[in-house]
Amino acid sequence: MATSPSALVLIPARMAATRLPMKPLADILGEPMIVHVWRRAVEAGIGPVAVACDDARIAAAVEAVGGTAILTRSDHASGSDRIYEAMLGLDAEGRFDVIVNVQGDLPTIEPEAVRACFAPLDDASVDIATIAAEITREEEKTEPSVVKVIGTPVGEGRLRALYFTRATAPTGRGPLYHHIGLYAYRRAALERFVHLPQGTLERRERLEQLRALEAGMRIDVGLVETVPLGVDTPGDLERARAILGRKG
């Protein structure tokens, strides 16, 4: 399939966050966090970028730096539901074959990671692509908040996902991989995914991506070097400021 011209990059962002109120607008080095994420998605260079948000203040922040934003409903259960609504609003005619979901709370995401998420869709049998990094800190191997992807190698730096879990898996010798929640969907796969009922394992593990695997969809994983910082708390925000401050 074609590459850059077929990709639409969407960044879901919602204002409600119990641990960090007004999170998308949190200041990092003089700019809202959502603007940092938008810039890195643009720098990936795989296609046009838009922020799918539930508040006019987020849209205004993005538009103030020349970005595109679209307002979506405030009651979506997940980011995938939000980007599906945004896709229908921005691309009703179906110009884009691939929809890339970049989380709005990853201000340190590298453009290379966004490209790595898109790359596995060069295989026509892949429905959804995502990324992961090898776990190097021992404590993360047993931490339930660190989602692990279990996969079989299908090429250099690439896995076919067999399962996602909060447990320490697989057992035995070998690397464990920390799943990073960026996704690139074929348009038809996104439409199918958001209309599927919740799966049994999805509810048990509290991992949305298991819905796709339970339905027989193929997810491939690009391997990257580092895990971007997800900002959920004031402490995370301070870490993001320090990281981006060092980068200049």
C-alpha atoms as a PDB file:
ATOM      1  CA  MET A   1       0.000   0.000   0.000  1.00  0.00           C
ATOM      2  CA  ALA A   2       1.024   3.644  -0.274  1.00  0.00           C
ATOM      3  CA  THR A   3       2.847   5.244   2.628  1.00  0.00           C
ATOM      4  CA  SER A   4       2.783   8.892   3.669  1.00  0.00           C
ATOM      5  CA  PRO A   5      -0.094  10.188   1.503  1.00  0.00           C
ATOM      6  CA  SER A   6      -2.489   7.592   2.945  1.00  0.00           C
ATOM      7  CA  ALA A   7      -1.944   8.330   6.651  1.00  0.00           C
ATOM      8  CA  LEU A   8      -4.009  10.679   8.790  1.00  0.00           C
ATOM      9  CA  VAL A   9      -2.531  11.230  12.264  1.00  0.00           C
ATOM     10  CA  LEU A  10      -5.061  11.962  15.016  1.00  0.00           C
ATOM     11  CA  ILE A  11      -4.282  12.942  18.609  1.00  0.00           C
ATOM     12  CA  PRO A  12      -7.171  12.333  21.032  1.00  0.00           C
ATOM     13  CA  ALA A  13      -7.302  14.762  23.959  1.00  0.00           C
ATOM     14  CA  ARG A  14      -9.880  15.283  26.669  1.00  0.00           C
ATOM     15  CA  MET A  15      -9.961  17.919  29.374  1.00  0.00           C
ATOM     16  CA  ALA A  16     -11.232  15.704  32.210  1.00  0.00           C
ATOM     17  CA  ALA A  17      -8.409  14.144  34.236  1.00  0.00           C
ATOM     18  CA  THR A  18      -8.761  13.507  37.948  1.00  0.00           C
ATOM     19  CA  ARG A  19      -5.042  13.366  38.800  1.00  0.00           C
ATOM     20  CA  LEU A  20      -3.984  16.292  36.601  1.00  0.00           C
ATOM     21  CA  PRO A  21      -6.820  18.750  35.896  1.00  0.00           C
ATOM     22  CA  MET A  22      -6.819  20.374  32.434  1.00  0.00           C
ATOM     23  CA  LYS A  23      -3.968  18.072  31.446  1.00  0.00           C
ATOM     24  CA  PRO A  24      -3.794  18.922  27.702  1.00  0.00           C
ATOM     25  CA  LEU A  25      -3.180  22.578  28.562  1.00  0.00           C
ATOM     26  CA  ALA A  26      -0.533  21.921  31.216  1.00  0.00           C
ATOM     27  CA  ASP A  27       2.401  24.244  30.597  1.00  0.00           C
ATOM     28  CA  ILE A  28       5.687  22.720  29.452  1.00  0.00           C
ATOM     29  CA  LEU A  29       8.405  25.247  28.629  1.00  0.00           C
ATOM     30  CA  GLY A  30       5.849  27.912  27.761  1.00  0.00           C
ATOM     31  CA  GLU A  31       3.538  25.809  25.584  1.00  0.00           C
ATOM     32  CA  PRO A  32       0.585  23.523  26.339  1.00  0.00           C
ATOM     33  CA  MET A  33       1.393  19.820  26.490  1.00  0.00           C
ATOM     34  CA  ILE A  34      -0.937  19.081  23.573  1.00  0.00           C
ATOM     35  CA  VAL A  35       1.112  21.423  21.376  1.00  0.00           C
ATOM     36  CA  HIS A  36       4.298  19.481  22.161  1.00  0.00           C
ATOM     37  CA  VAL A  37       2.606  16.233  21.121  1.00  0.00           C
ATOM     38  CA  TRP A  38       1.206  17.851  17.967  1.00  0.00           C
ATOM     39  CA  ARG A  39       4.674  19.149  16.979  1.00  0.00           C
ATOM     40  CA  ARG A  40       6.258  15.717  17.294  1.00  0.00           C
ATOM     41  CA  ALA A  41       3.494  14.088  15.307  1.00  0.00           C
ATOM     42  CA  VAL A  42       3.990  16.676  12.555  1.00  0.00           C
ATOM     43  CA  GLU A  43       7.761  16.070  12.620  1.00  0.00           C
ATOM     44  CA  ALA A  44       7.131  12.358  11.954  1.00  0.00           C
ATOM     45  CA  GLY A  45       6.181  13.386   8.422  1.00  0.00           C
ATOM     46  CA  ILE A  46       3.795  10.525   7.659  1.00  0.00           C
ATOM     47  CA  GLY A  47       0.694  12.577   6.933  1.00  0.00           C
ATOM     48  CA  PRO A  48      -1.523  15.469   8.070  1.00  0.00           C
ATOM     49  CA  VAL A  49      -2.063  15.801  11.830  1.00  0.00           C
ATOM     50  CA  ALA A  50      -5.154  16.879  13.749  1.00  0.00           C
ATOM     51  CA  VAL A  51      -6.123  16.975  17.419  1.00  0.00           C
ATOM     52  CA  ALA A  52      -9.464  15.358  18.278  1.00  0.00           C
ATOM     53  CA  CYS A  53     -10.619  17.079  21.462  1.00  0.00           C
ATOM     54  CA  ASP A  54     -13.671  17.630  23.644  1.00  0.00           C
ATOM     55  CA  ASP A  55     -13.076  21.243  24.656  1.00  0.00           C
ATOM     56  CA  ALA A  56     -12.805  24.464  22.671  1.00  0.00           C
ATOM     57  CA  ARG A  57      -9.851  25.588  24.790  1.00  0.00           C
ATOM     58  CA  ILE A  58      -7.772  22.654  23.559  1.00  0.00           C
ATOM     59  CA  ALA A  59      -8.751  23.400  19.976  1.00  0.00           C
ATOM     60  CA  ALA A  60      -7.821  27.061  20.428  1.00  0.00           C
ATOM     61  CA  ALA A  61      -4.365  26.152  21.777  1.00  0.00           C
ATOM     62  CA  VAL A  62      -3.656  23.953  18.771  1.00  0.00           C
ATOM     63  CA  GLU A  63      -5.008  26.418  16.237  1.00  0.00           C
ATOM     64  CA  ALA A  64      -2.942  29.228  17.807  1.00  0.00           C
ATOM     65  CA  VAL A  65       0.237  27.506  16.567  1.00  0.00           C
ATOM     66  CA  GLY A  66      -1.187  26.744  13.138  1.00  0.00           C
ATOM     67  CA  GLY A  67      -2.488  23.250  13.860  1.00  0.00           C
ATOM     68  CA  THR A  68      -5.803  21.608  13.026  1.00  0.00           C
ATOM     69  CA  ALA A  69      -8.275  20.565  15.704  1.00  0.00           C
ATOM     70  CA  ILE A  70     -11.755  19.053  15.613  1.00  0.00           C
ATOM     71  CA  LEU A  71     -14.249  19.037  18.463  1.00  0.00           C
ATOM     72  CA  THR A  72     -15.698  15.652  19.380  1.00  0.00           C
ATOM     73  CA  ARG A  73     -18.186  14.390  21.933  1.00  0.00           C
ATOM     74  CA  SER A  74     -17.152  14.465  25.580  1.00  0.00           C
ATOM     75  CA  ASP A  75     -18.592  11.051  26.482  1.00  0.00           C
ATOM     76  CA  HIS A  76     -16.319   8.744  24.484  1.00  0.00           C
ATOM     77  CA  ALA A  77     -15.145   5.684  26.406  1.00  0.00           C
ATOM     78  CA  SER A  78     -11.719   5.582  24.732  1.00  0.00           C
ATOM     79  CA  GLY A  79      -9.333   7.401  22.463  1.00  0.00           C
ATOM     80  CA  SER A  80     -10.109   5.005  19.613  1.00  0.00           C
ATOM     81  CA  ASP A  81     -13.779   6.017  19.755  1.00  0.00           C
ATOM     82  CA  ARG A  82     -12.756   9.678  19.708  1.00  0.00           C
ATOM     83  CA  ILE A  83     -10.458   9.325  16.703  1.00  0.00           C
ATOM     84  CA  TYR A  84     -13.148   7.383  14.837  1.00  0.00           C
ATOM     85  CA  GLU A  85     -15.546  10.306  15.241  1.00  0.00           C
ATOM     86  CA  ALA A  86     -12.791  12.690  14.172  1.00  0.00           C
ATOM     87  CA  MET A  87     -11.963  10.556  11.132  1.00  0.00           C
ATOM     88  CA  LEU A  88     -15.579  10.683   9.982  1.00  0.00           C
ATOM     89  CA  GLY A  89     -15.615  14.449  10.434  1.00  0.00           C
ATOM     90  CA  LEU A  90     -12.295  15.157   8.726  1.00  0.00           C
ATOM     91  CA  ASP A  91     -12.269  12.468   6.040  1.00  0.00           C
ATOM     92  CA  ALA A  92     -15.813  11.396   5.253  1.00  0.00           C
ATOM     93  CA  GLU A  93     -14.811  10.687   1.652  1.00  0.00           C
ATOM     94  CA  GLY A  94     -12.204   8.111   2.696  1.00  0.00           C
ATOM     95  CA  ARG A  95      -9.039   9.654   1.241  1.00  0.00           C
ATOM     96  CA  PHE A  96      -6.837   8.153   3.965  1.00  0.00           C
ATOM     97  CA  ASP A  97      -6.203   4.422   4.217  1.00  0.00           C
ATOM     98  CA  VAL A  98      -4.499   4.536   7.607  1.00  0.00           C
ATOM     99  CA  ILE A  99      -5.443   6.328  10.832  1.00  0.00           C
ATOM    100  CA  VAL A 100      -2.616   6.774  13.337  1.00  0.00           C
ATOM    101  CA  ASN A 101      -3.566   7.358  16.981  1.00  0.00           C
ATOM    102  CA  VAL A 102      -0.946   9.280  18.978  1.00  0.00           C
ATOM    103  CA  GLN A 103      -1.894   9.748  22.620  1.00  0.00           C
ATOM    104  CA  GLY A 104      -2.194  13.353  23.710  1.00  0.00           C
ATOM    105  CA  ASP A 105      -0.296  12.865  26.974  1.00  0.00           C
ATOM    106  CA  LEU A 106       3.052  11.810  25.483  1.00  0.00           C
ATOM    107  CA  PRO A 107       4.938  15.109  25.156  1.00  0.00           C
ATOM    108  CA  THR A 108       8.331  13.368  24.935  1.00  0.00           C
ATOM    109  CA  ILE A 109       7.327  11.043  22.085  1.00  0.00           C
ATOM    110  CA  GLU A 110       9.975  10.884  19.384  1.00  0.00           C
ATOM    111  CA  PRO A 111       8.937  11.365  15.742  1.00  0.00           C
ATOM    112  CA  GLU A 112      10.791   8.123  14.997  1.00  0.00           C
ATOM    113  CA  ALA A 113       8.396   6.267  17.300  1.00  0.00           C
ATOM    114  CA  VAL A 114       5.404   7.546  15.350  1.00  0.00           C
ATOM    115  CA  ARG A 115       7.025   6.369  12.134  1.00  0.00           C
ATOM    116  CA  ALA A 116       7.809   2.993  13.723  1.00  0.00           C
ATOM    117  CA  CYS A 117       4.143   2.585  14.610  1.00  0.00           C
ATOM    118  CA  PHE A 118       3.122   3.215  11.006  1.00  0.00           C
ATOM    119  CA  ALA A 119       5.758   0.952   9.416  1.00  0.00           C
ATOM    120  CA  PRO A 120       4.246  -2.542  10.080  1.00  0.00           C
ATOM    121  CA  LEU A 121       1.317  -1.698   7.829  1.00  0.00           C
ATOM    122  CA  ASP A 122       3.623  -2.262   4.864  1.00  0.00           C
ATOM    123  CA  ASP A 123       2.425  -5.868   5.263  1.00  0.00           C
ATOM    124  CA  ALA A 124      -1.056  -6.094   3.781  1.00  0.00           C
ATOM    125  CA  SER A 125      -2.091  -8.814   6.246  1.00  0.00           C
ATOM    126  CA  VAL A 126      -1.640  -6.501   9.261  1.00  0.00           C
ATOM    127  CA  ASP A 127      -4.816  -4.814  10.528  1.00  0.00           C
ATOM    128  CA  ILE A 128      -3.351  -2.726  13.348  1.00  0.00           C
ATOM    129  CA  ALA A 129       0.216  -1.690  14.167  1.00  0.00           C
ATOM    130  CA  THR A 130       1.706  -0.545  17.444  1.00  0.00           C
ATOM    131  CA  ILE A 131       5.116  -0.249  19.150  1.00  0.00           C
ATOM    132  CA  ALA A 132       7.010  -1.611  22.147  1.00  0.00           C
ATOM    133  CA  ALA A 133      10.423  -1.335  23.799  1.00  0.00           C
ATOM    134  CA  GLU A 134      12.457  -3.931  25.654  1.00  0.00           C
ATOM    135  CA  ILE A 135      12.092  -3.664  29.430  1.00  0.00           C
ATOM    136  CA  THR A 136      15.451  -2.870  31.022  1.00  0.00           C
ATOM    137  CA  ARG A 137      14.398  -1.972  34.585  1.00  0.00           C
ATOM    138  CA  GLU A 138      13.773  -5.055  36.732  1.00  0.00           C
ATOM    139  CA  GLU A 139      10.926  -3.466  38.682  1.00  0.00           C
ATOM    140  CA  GLU A 140       8.943  -2.871  35.493  1.00  0.00           C
ATOM    141  CA  LYS A 141       8.869  -6.596  34.739  1.00  0.00           C
ATOM    142  CA  THR A 142       6.459  -7.199  37.620  1.00  0.00           C
ATOM    143  CA  GLU A 143       4.620  -3.853  37.583  1.00  0.00           C
ATOM    144  CA  PRO A 144       0.961  -4.293  36.486  1.00  0.00           C
ATOM    145  CA  SER A 145       0.845  -0.737  35.108  1.00  0.00           C
ATOM    146  CA  VAL A 146       3.526  -1.740  32.590  1.00  0.00           C
ATOM    147  CA  VAL A 147       1.671  -3.630  29.865  1.00  0.00           C
ATOM    148  CA  LYS A 148       3.694  -6.410  28.257  1.00  0.00           C
ATOM    149  CA  VAL A 149       3.262  -7.580  24.694  1.00  0.00           C
ATOM    150  CA  ILE A 150       3.921 -11.237  23.912  1.00  0.00           C
ATOM    151  CA  GLY A 151       4.792 -11.767  20.288  1.00  0.00           C
ATOM    152  CA  THR A 152       6.623 -13.874  17.776  1.00  0.00           C
ATOM    153  CA  PRO A 153       9.329 -12.310  15.576  1.00  0.00           C
ATOM    154  CA  VAL A 154       8.252 -11.699  11.982  1.00  0.00           C
ATOM    155  CA  GLY A 155      11.213  -9.645  10.819  1.00  0.00           C
ATOM    156  CA  GLU A 156      13.980  -7.360  11.996  1.00  0.00           C
ATOM    157  CA  GLY A 157      12.669  -5.267  14.874  1.00  0.00           C
ATOM    158  CA  ARG A 158       9.106  -6.500  14.450  1.00  0.00           C
ATOM    159  CA  LEU A 159       6.768  -8.880  16.263  1.00  0.00           C
ATOM    160  CA  ARG A 160       3.347 -10.310  15.570  1.00  0.00           C
ATOM    161  CA  ALA A 161       1.347  -9.774  18.761  1.00  0.00           C
ATOM    162  CA  LEU A 162      -0.093 -12.923  20.307  1.00  0.00           C
ATOM    163  CA  TYR A 163      -1.240 -11.397  23.599  1.00  0.00           C
ATOM    164  CA  PHE A 164      -1.039  -8.314  25.831  1.00  0.00           C
ATOM    165  CA  THR A 165      -0.957  -8.635  29.614  1.00  0.00           C
ATOM    166  CA  ARG A 166      -0.300  -6.825  32.882  1.00  0.00           C
ATOM    167  CA  ALA A 167       1.355  -9.958  34.219  1.00  0.00           C
ATOM    168  CA  THR A 168       5.045 -10.849  33.915  1.00  0.00           C
ATOM    169  CA  ALA A 169       5.138 -12.795  30.669  1.00  0.00           C
ATOM    170  CA  PRO A 170       6.352 -14.803  28.913  1.00  0.00           C
ATOM    171  CA  THR A 171       8.320 -16.951  31.321  1.00  0.00           C
ATOM    172  CA  GLY A 172      11.737 -18.371  30.531  1.00  0.00           C
ATOM    173  CA  ARG A 173      14.861 -16.704  29.228  1.00  0.00           C
ATOM    174  CA  GLY A 174      14.582 -13.789  26.842  1.00  0.00           C
ATOM    175  CA  PRO A 175      13.444 -10.180  26.680  1.00  0.00           C
ATOM    176  CA  LEU A 176      10.165  -8.750  27.928  1.00  0.00           C
ATOM    177  CA  TYR A 177       8.578  -5.913  25.972  1.00  0.00           C
ATOM    178  CA  HIS A 178       6.813  -2.831  27.312  1.00  0.00           C
ATOM    179  CA  HIS A 179       3.841  -2.000  25.099  1.00  0.00           C
ATOM    180  CA  ILE A 180       3.483   1.667  24.115  1.00  0.00           C
ATOM    181  CA  GLY A 181      -0.064   2.747  23.377  1.00  0.00           C
ATOM    182  CA  LEU A 182       0.303   4.214  19.898  1.00  0.00           C
ATOM    183  CA  TYR A 183      -1.733   2.565  17.165  1.00  0.00           C
ATOM    184  CA  ALA A 184      -1.948   2.727  13.392  1.00  0.00           C
ATOM    185  CA  TYR A 185      -5.203   1.284  12.054  1.00  0.00           C
ATOM    186  CA  ARG A 186      -6.213   0.463   8.556  1.00  0.00           C
ATOM    187  CA  ARG A 187      -9.357   2.484   8.068  1.00  0.00           C
ATOM    188  CA  ALA A 188     -11.549  -0.617   7.779  1.00  0.00           C
ATOM    189  CA  ALA A 189      -9.915  -2.115  10.872  1.00  0.00           C
ATOM    190  CA  LEU A 190     -10.666   0.981  12.964  1.00  0.00           C
ATOM    191  CA  GLU A 191     -14.286   0.958  11.854  1.00  0.00           C
ATOM    192  CA  ARG A 192     -14.603  -2.724  12.697  1.00  0.00           C
ATOM    193  CA  PHE A 193     -12.815  -2.340  16.019  1.00  0.00           C
ATOM    194  CA  VAL A 194     -14.982   0.451  17.438  1.00  0.00           C
ATOM    195  CA  HIS A 195     -18.148  -1.497  16.600  1.00  0.00           C
ATOM    196  CA  LEU A 196     -17.007  -4.745  18.247  1.00  0.00           C
ATOM    197  CA  PRO A 197     -18.409  -5.636  21.681  1.00  0.00           C
ATOM    198  CA  GLN A 198     -15.970  -5.757  24.572  1.00  0.00           C
ATOM    199  CA  GLY A 199     -14.110  -9.048  24.771  1.00  0.00           C
ATOM    200  CA  THR A 200     -13.846 -11.353  27.776  1.00  0.00           C
ATOM    201  CA  LEU A 201     -10.065 -10.941  28.060  1.00  0.00           C
ATOM    202  CA  GLU A 202     -10.327  -7.206  27.406  1.00  0.00           C
ATOM    203  CA  ARG A 203     -12.558  -6.846  30.464  1.00  0.00           C
ATOM    204  CA  ARG A 204     -10.385  -9.131  32.575  1.00  0.00           C
ATOM    205  CA  GLU A 205      -7.040  -7.475  31.764  1.00  0.00           C
ATOM    206  CA  ARG A 206      -8.549  -4.010  31.234  1.00  0.00           C
ATOM    207  CA  LEU A 207      -6.698  -3.768  27.911  1.00  0.00           C
ATOM    208  CA  GLU A 208      -8.668  -2.515  24.928  1.00  0.00           C
ATOM    209  CA  GLN A 209      -6.301  -3.981  22.336  1.00  0.00           C
ATOM    210  CA  LEU A 210      -7.263  -7.514  23.384  1.00  0.00           C
ATOM    211  CA  ARG A 211     -10.667  -6.887  21.784  1.00  0.00           C
ATOM    212  CA  ALA A 212      -8.967  -6.894  18.390  1.00  0.00           C
ATOM    213  CA  LEU A 213      -6.993 -10.079  19.063  1.00  0.00           C
ATOM    214  CA  GLU A 214     -10.080 -11.842  20.407  1.00  0.00           C
ATOM    215  CA  ALA A 215     -11.857 -10.945  17.171  1.00  0.00           C
ATOM    216  CA  GLY A 216      -9.063 -12.463  15.072  1.00  0.00           C
ATOM    217  CA  MET A 217      -7.487  -9.197  13.938  1.00  0.00           C
ATOM    218  CA  ARG A 218      -3.734  -9.096  13.369  1.00  0.00           C
ATOM    219  CA  ILE A 219      -1.604  -6.647  15.354  1.00  0.00           C
ATOM    220  CA  ASP A 220       2.094  -6.239  14.516  1.00  0.00           C
ATOM    221  CA  VAL A 221       4.558  -4.448  16.769  1.00  0.00           C
ATOM    222  CA  GLY A 222       7.491  -2.273  15.782  1.00  0.00           C
ATOM    223  CA  LEU A 223      10.322  -2.326  18.339  1.00  0.00           C
ATOM    224  CA  VAL A 224      11.763   1.019  19.449  1.00  0.00           C
ATOM    225  CA  GLU A 225      14.578   1.948  21.812  1.00  0.00           C
ATOM    226  CA  THR A 226      12.796   3.962  24.508  1.00  0.00           C
ATOM    227  CA  VAL A 227       9.408   4.346  26.171  1.00  0.00           C
ATOM    228  CA  PRO A 228       7.997   7.890  26.011  1.00  0.00           C
ATOM    229  CA  LEU A 229       6.877   9.437  29.277  1.00  0.00           C
ATOM    230  CA  GLY A 230       3.124   9.352  29.775  1.00  0.00           C
ATOM    231  CA  VAL A 231       1.959  12.347  31.828  1.00  0.00           C
ATOM    232  CA  ASP A 232      -0.758  11.461  34.344  1.00  0.00           C
ATOM    233  CA  THR A 233       0.303  13.222  37.557  1.00  0.00           C
ATOM    234  CA  PRO A 234       1.958  16.490  38.629  1.00  0.00           C
ATOM    235  CA  GLY A 235       5.154  14.493  39.192  1.00  0.00           C
ATOM    236  CA  ASP A 236       5.055  13.189  35.613  1.00  0.00           C
ATOM    237  CA  LEU A 237       4.587  16.754  34.405  1.00  0.00           C
ATOM    238  CA  GLU A 238       7.718  17.880  36.218  1.00  0.00           C
ATOM    239  CA  ARG A 239       9.669  14.991  34.680  1.00  0.00           C
ATOM    240  CA  ALA A 240       8.430  15.959  31.209  1.00  0.00           C
ATOM    241  CA  ARG A 241       9.537  19.548  31.774  1.00  0.00           C
ATOM    242  CA  ALA A 242      12.981  18.363  32.804  1.00  0.00           C
ATOM    243  CA  ILE A 243      13.344  15.974  29.845  1.00  0.00           C
ATOM    244  CA  LEU A 244      12.271  18.525  27.261  1.00  0.00           C
ATOM    245  CA  GLY A 245      14.290  21.237  28.956  1.00  0.00           C
ATOM    246  CA  ARG A 246      17.443  19.129  28.524  1.00  0.00           C
ATOM    247  CA  LYS A 247      16.651  18.669  24.842  1.00  0.00           C
ATOM    248  CA  GLY A 248      16.519  22.428  24.447  1.00  0.00           C
END
